[in-house]
Amino acid sequence: MTTDTPPDDDLDAEPTPENDDEQTFDPDVLSVAEAARSGSRRALMVAIRDRIAEAVTDSDCPPRDLASLTKRLQDTANEIEAIDARAAEDVENDPGRIRELEAALRAVAPGHPLLTGSVDDRFDASTL
């Protein structure tokens, strides 16, 4: 009697793009220790978030730990979001970015009031 399914020799193999069906393979995922050594606060928080998420979803997670782990997971996610928001704000306030936007506007509308300085955006209380 023969079977059509090949033997499963790589049950203990490390996940790779070829054999990882359950999750997306990401070679840039760092362990908590690697992220700490990297010096990147965001990388460390992402590694901590991922580690806590693993613990929370583990069926062997003691119920007494679940509440504190879930709270810590939420706090970590909020901190990552704050780091990302600060980074986005830094990009928005970057003088180089402002020059790029001005150049793009100049290419599309060279006489735009924002470029000529003719926009009067002073507040006038008498118009109320």
Protein backbone atom coordinates (compact mmCIF):
# COMPACT_ATOMS: atom_id res chain seq x y z
CA MET A 1 0.00 0.00 0.00
CA THR A 2 1.44 3.36 -1.03
CA THR A 3 0.41 6.81 0.06
CA ASP A 4 0.41 9.98 -1.98
CA THR A 5 1.63 12.17 0.85
CA PRO A 6 5.37 12.59 1.21
CA PRO A 7 6.98 11.83 4.60
CA ASP A 8 7.14 14.79 6.94
CA ASP A 9 10.89 14.89 7.59
CA ASP A 10 11.08 18.58 8.47
CA LEU A 11 8.71 18.69 11.47
CA ASP A 12 11.40 20.21 13.67
CA ALA A 13 12.79 22.53 11.00
CA GLU A 14 13.12 26.23 11.69
CA PRO A 15 10.49 28.41 9.98
CA THR A 16 11.61 29.70 6.61
CA PRO A 17 9.69 31.34 3.78
CA GLU A 18 9.36 27.88 2.19
CA ASN A 19 8.06 25.86 5.15
CA ASP A 20 6.20 28.39 7.28
CA ASP A 21 2.50 28.08 6.48
CA GLU A 22 1.03 29.49 9.69
CA GLN A 23 2.70 32.87 9.93
CA THR A 24 4.51 35.36 7.76
CA PHE A 25 8.27 34.88 7.86
CA ASP A 26 10.04 38.08 8.88
CA PRO A 27 13.82 37.88 9.18
CA ASP A 28 13.90 41.31 10.90
CA VAL A 29 12.02 40.10 13.99
CA LEU A 30 14.32 40.45 16.98
CA SER A 31 14.27 38.70 20.31
CA VAL A 32 13.98 40.90 23.38
CA ALA A 33 17.71 40.51 24.07
CA GLU A 34 18.66 41.35 20.46
CA ALA A 35 16.36 44.37 20.46
CA ALA A 36 17.85 45.60 23.73
CA ARG A 37 21.34 45.32 22.29
CA SER A 38 20.27 47.20 19.15
CA GLY A 39 19.75 50.41 21.13
CA SER A 40 16.45 51.15 19.37
CA ARG A 41 13.67 51.92 21.85
CA ARG A 42 11.00 51.07 19.26
CA ALA A 43 12.63 47.74 18.38
CA LEU A 44 12.77 46.87 22.07
CA MET A 45 9.11 47.76 22.61
CA VAL A 46 8.05 45.72 19.56
CA ALA A 47 10.02 42.71 20.81
CA ILE A 48 8.47 43.06 24.27
CA ARG A 49 5.00 43.40 22.73
CA ASP A 50 5.51 40.26 20.67
CA ARG A 51 6.84 38.31 23.66
CA ILE A 52 3.92 39.36 25.87
CA ALA A 53 1.45 38.51 23.09
CA GLU A 54 2.95 35.01 22.89
CA ALA A 55 2.55 34.59 26.65
CA VAL A 56 -1.05 35.85 26.64
CA THR A 57 -2.09 33.53 23.83
CA ASP A 58 -0.32 30.51 25.32
CA SER A 59 -2.86 28.01 26.65
CA ASP A 60 -0.55 27.37 29.63
CA CYS A 61 -0.69 31.03 30.74
CA PRO A 62 -1.86 31.06 34.38
CA PRO A 63 -5.17 32.92 34.76
CA ARG A 64 -3.71 34.97 37.62
CA ASP A 65 -1.11 36.41 35.19
CA LEU A 66 -3.48 37.07 32.31
CA ALA A 67 -4.84 40.41 33.58
CA SER A 68 -1.42 41.94 34.26
CA LEU A 69 0.02 40.63 31.00
CA THR A 70 -2.94 42.00 29.03
CA LYS A 71 -2.53 45.40 30.71
CA ARG A 72 1.19 45.41 29.96
CA LEU A 73 0.48 44.42 26.36
CA GLN A 74 -1.90 47.36 26.00
CA ASP A 75 0.61 49.77 27.59
CA THR A 76 3.37 48.53 25.30
CA ALA A 77 1.17 48.92 22.21
CA ASN A 78 0.32 52.48 23.31
CA GLU A 79 4.00 53.30 23.77
CA ILE A 80 4.83 51.99 20.28
CA GLU A 81 2.01 54.13 18.90
CA ALA A 82 3.41 57.18 20.72
CA ILE A 83 6.90 56.52 19.35
CA ASP A 84 5.46 56.27 15.83
CA ALA A 85 3.45 59.48 16.31
CA ARG A 86 6.54 61.37 17.47
CA ALA A 87 8.46 60.07 14.46
CA ALA A 88 5.67 61.16 12.11
CA GLU A 89 5.62 64.59 13.76
CA ASP A 90 9.37 64.91 13.30
CA VAL A 91 8.95 64.16 9.59
CA GLU A 92 6.17 66.76 9.27
CA ASN A 93 8.29 69.44 10.93
CA ASP A 94 11.43 68.57 8.97
CA PRO A 95 12.66 71.63 7.02
CA GLY A 96 13.82 69.33 4.23
CA ARG A 97 10.32 67.92 3.92
CA ILE A 98 8.85 71.44 3.79
CA ARG A 99 11.26 72.34 0.97
CA GLU A 100 10.22 69.18 -0.91
CA LEU A 101 6.55 70.11 -0.56
CA GLU A 102 7.23 73.68 -1.69
CA ALA A 103 9.14 72.40 -4.73
CA ALA A 104 6.26 70.08 -5.62
CA LEU A 105 3.75 72.94 -5.28
CA ARG A 106 6.00 75.21 -7.34
CA ALA A 107 6.08 72.59 -10.10
CA VAL A 108 2.28 72.33 -10.16
CA ALA A 109 1.26 75.95 -9.45
CA PRO A 110 4.19 78.41 -9.60
CA GLY A 111 2.04 81.42 -8.68
CA HIS A 112 0.26 79.81 -5.73
CA PRO A 113 -0.38 82.28 -2.88
CA LEU A 114 1.43 80.03 -0.40
CA LEU A 115 4.60 80.41 -2.47
CA THR A 116 4.30 84.14 -3.15
CA GLY A 117 3.61 85.07 0.48
CA SER A 118 0.33 86.76 -0.38
CA VAL A 119 -1.78 84.68 2.01
CA ASP A 120 -3.04 86.82 4.87
CA ASP A 121 -3.79 84.42 7.68
CA ARG A 122 -3.90 86.95 10.50
CA PHE A 123 -6.87 86.71 12.83
CA ASP A 124 -9.34 89.55 12.56
CA ALA A 125 -11.82 89.62 15.47
CA SER A 126 -13.98 92.27 13.77
CA THR A 127 -15.15 89.72 11.19
CA LEU A 128 -17.02 87.80 13.87
